C-alpha atoms as a PDB file:
ATOM      1  CA  UNK A   1     101.580  62.152  64.247  1.00  0.00           C
ATOM      2  CA  UNK A   2     102.659  65.707  63.426  1.00  0.00           C
ATOM      3  CA  UNK A   3     106.265  66.558  64.065  1.00  0.00           C
ATOM      4  CA  UNK A   4     106.645  69.168  66.840  1.00  0.00           C
ATOM      5  CA  UNK A   5     108.190  72.433  65.754  1.00  0.00           C
ATOM      6  CA  UNK A   6     111.424  73.625  67.333  1.00  0.00           C
ATOM      7  CA  UNK A   7     109.828  76.662  68.994  1.00  0.00           C
ATOM      8  CA  UNK A   8     108.619  76.161  72.561  1.00  0.00           C
ATOM      9  CA  UNK A   9     105.508  78.004  73.669  1.00  0.00           C
ATOM     10  CA  UNK A  10     106.277  81.317  75.376  1.00  0.00           C
ATOM     11  CA  UNK A  11     105.167  81.740  78.985  1.00  0.00           C
ATOM     12  CA  UNK A  12     102.589  84.402  79.752  1.00  0.00           C
ATOM     13  CA  UNK A  13     104.299  87.377  81.398  1.00  0.00           C
ATOM     14  CA  UNK A  14     101.141  88.359  83.278  1.00  0.00           C
ATOM     15  CA  UNK A  15     100.889  85.176  85.383  1.00  0.00           C
ATOM     16  CA  UNK A  16     104.465  83.845  84.832  1.00  0.00           C
ATOM     17  CA  UNK A  17     103.189  80.647  83.242  1.00  0.00           C
ATOM     18  CA  UNK A  18     100.920  79.636  86.110  1.00  0.00           C
ATOM     19  CA  UNK A  19      97.566  80.541  84.554  1.00  0.00           C
ATOM     20  CA  UNK A  20      96.296  81.904  87.871  1.00  0.00           C
ATOM     21  CA  UNK A  21      96.671  85.285  89.553  1.00  0.00           C
ATOM     22  CA  UNK A  22      96.180  86.218  93.195  1.00  0.00           C
ATOM     23  CA  UNK A  23      93.700  89.028  93.687  1.00  0.00           C
ATOM     24  CA  UNK A  24      93.441  89.706  97.399  1.00  0.00           C
ATOM     25  CA  UNK A  25      92.571  86.353  98.982  1.00  0.00           C
ATOM     26  CA  UNK A  26      91.171  84.898  95.746  1.00  0.00           C
ATOM     27  CA  UNK A  27      92.864  83.089  92.892  1.00  0.00           C
ATOM     28  CA  UNK A  28      91.504  84.054  89.491  1.00  0.00           C
ATOM     29  CA  UNK A  29      92.232  82.811  85.990  1.00  0.00           C
ATOM     30  CA  UNK A  30      94.647  84.992  84.041  1.00  0.00           C
ATOM     31  CA  UNK A  31      92.706  87.215  81.620  1.00  0.00           C
ATOM     32  CA  UNK A  32      95.617  87.597  79.215  1.00  0.00           C
ATOM     33  CA  UNK A  33      96.236  83.904  78.493  1.00  0.00           C
ATOM     34  CA  UNK A  34      92.856  82.505  79.531  1.00  0.00           C
ATOM     35  CA  UNK A  35      94.405  80.253  82.185  1.00  0.00           C
ATOM     36  CA  UNK A  36      96.714  78.329  79.849  1.00  0.00           C
ATOM     37  CA  UNK A  37      99.927  79.881  81.181  1.00  0.00           C
ATOM     38  CA  UNK A  38     101.243  80.504  77.663  1.00  0.00           C
ATOM     39  CA  UNK A  39     101.478  83.777  75.781  1.00  0.00           C
ATOM     40  CA  UNK A  40      98.503  84.375  73.451  1.00  0.00           C
ATOM     41  CA  UNK A  41      99.486  83.846  69.823  1.00  0.00           C
ATOM     42  CA  UNK A  42     102.370  81.514  70.671  1.00  0.00           C
ATOM     43  CA  UNK A  43     100.338  78.350  70.158  1.00  0.00           C
ATOM     44  CA  UNK A  44     101.653  75.821  67.688  1.00  0.00           C
ATOM     45  CA  UNK A  45      99.705  75.658  64.424  1.00  0.00           C
ATOM     46  CA  UNK A  46      99.626  72.698  62.059  1.00  0.00           C
END
């Protein structure tokens, strides 16, 4: 098993880590993070 790095993933500022945004009465997936809730480019790489 790979050892986890010390850096935690950064939350997406657009959706505040939820992955969903409210647009009117609808909930839509965050376009910036793709619904993951984490900042793009902050994913852990092996």
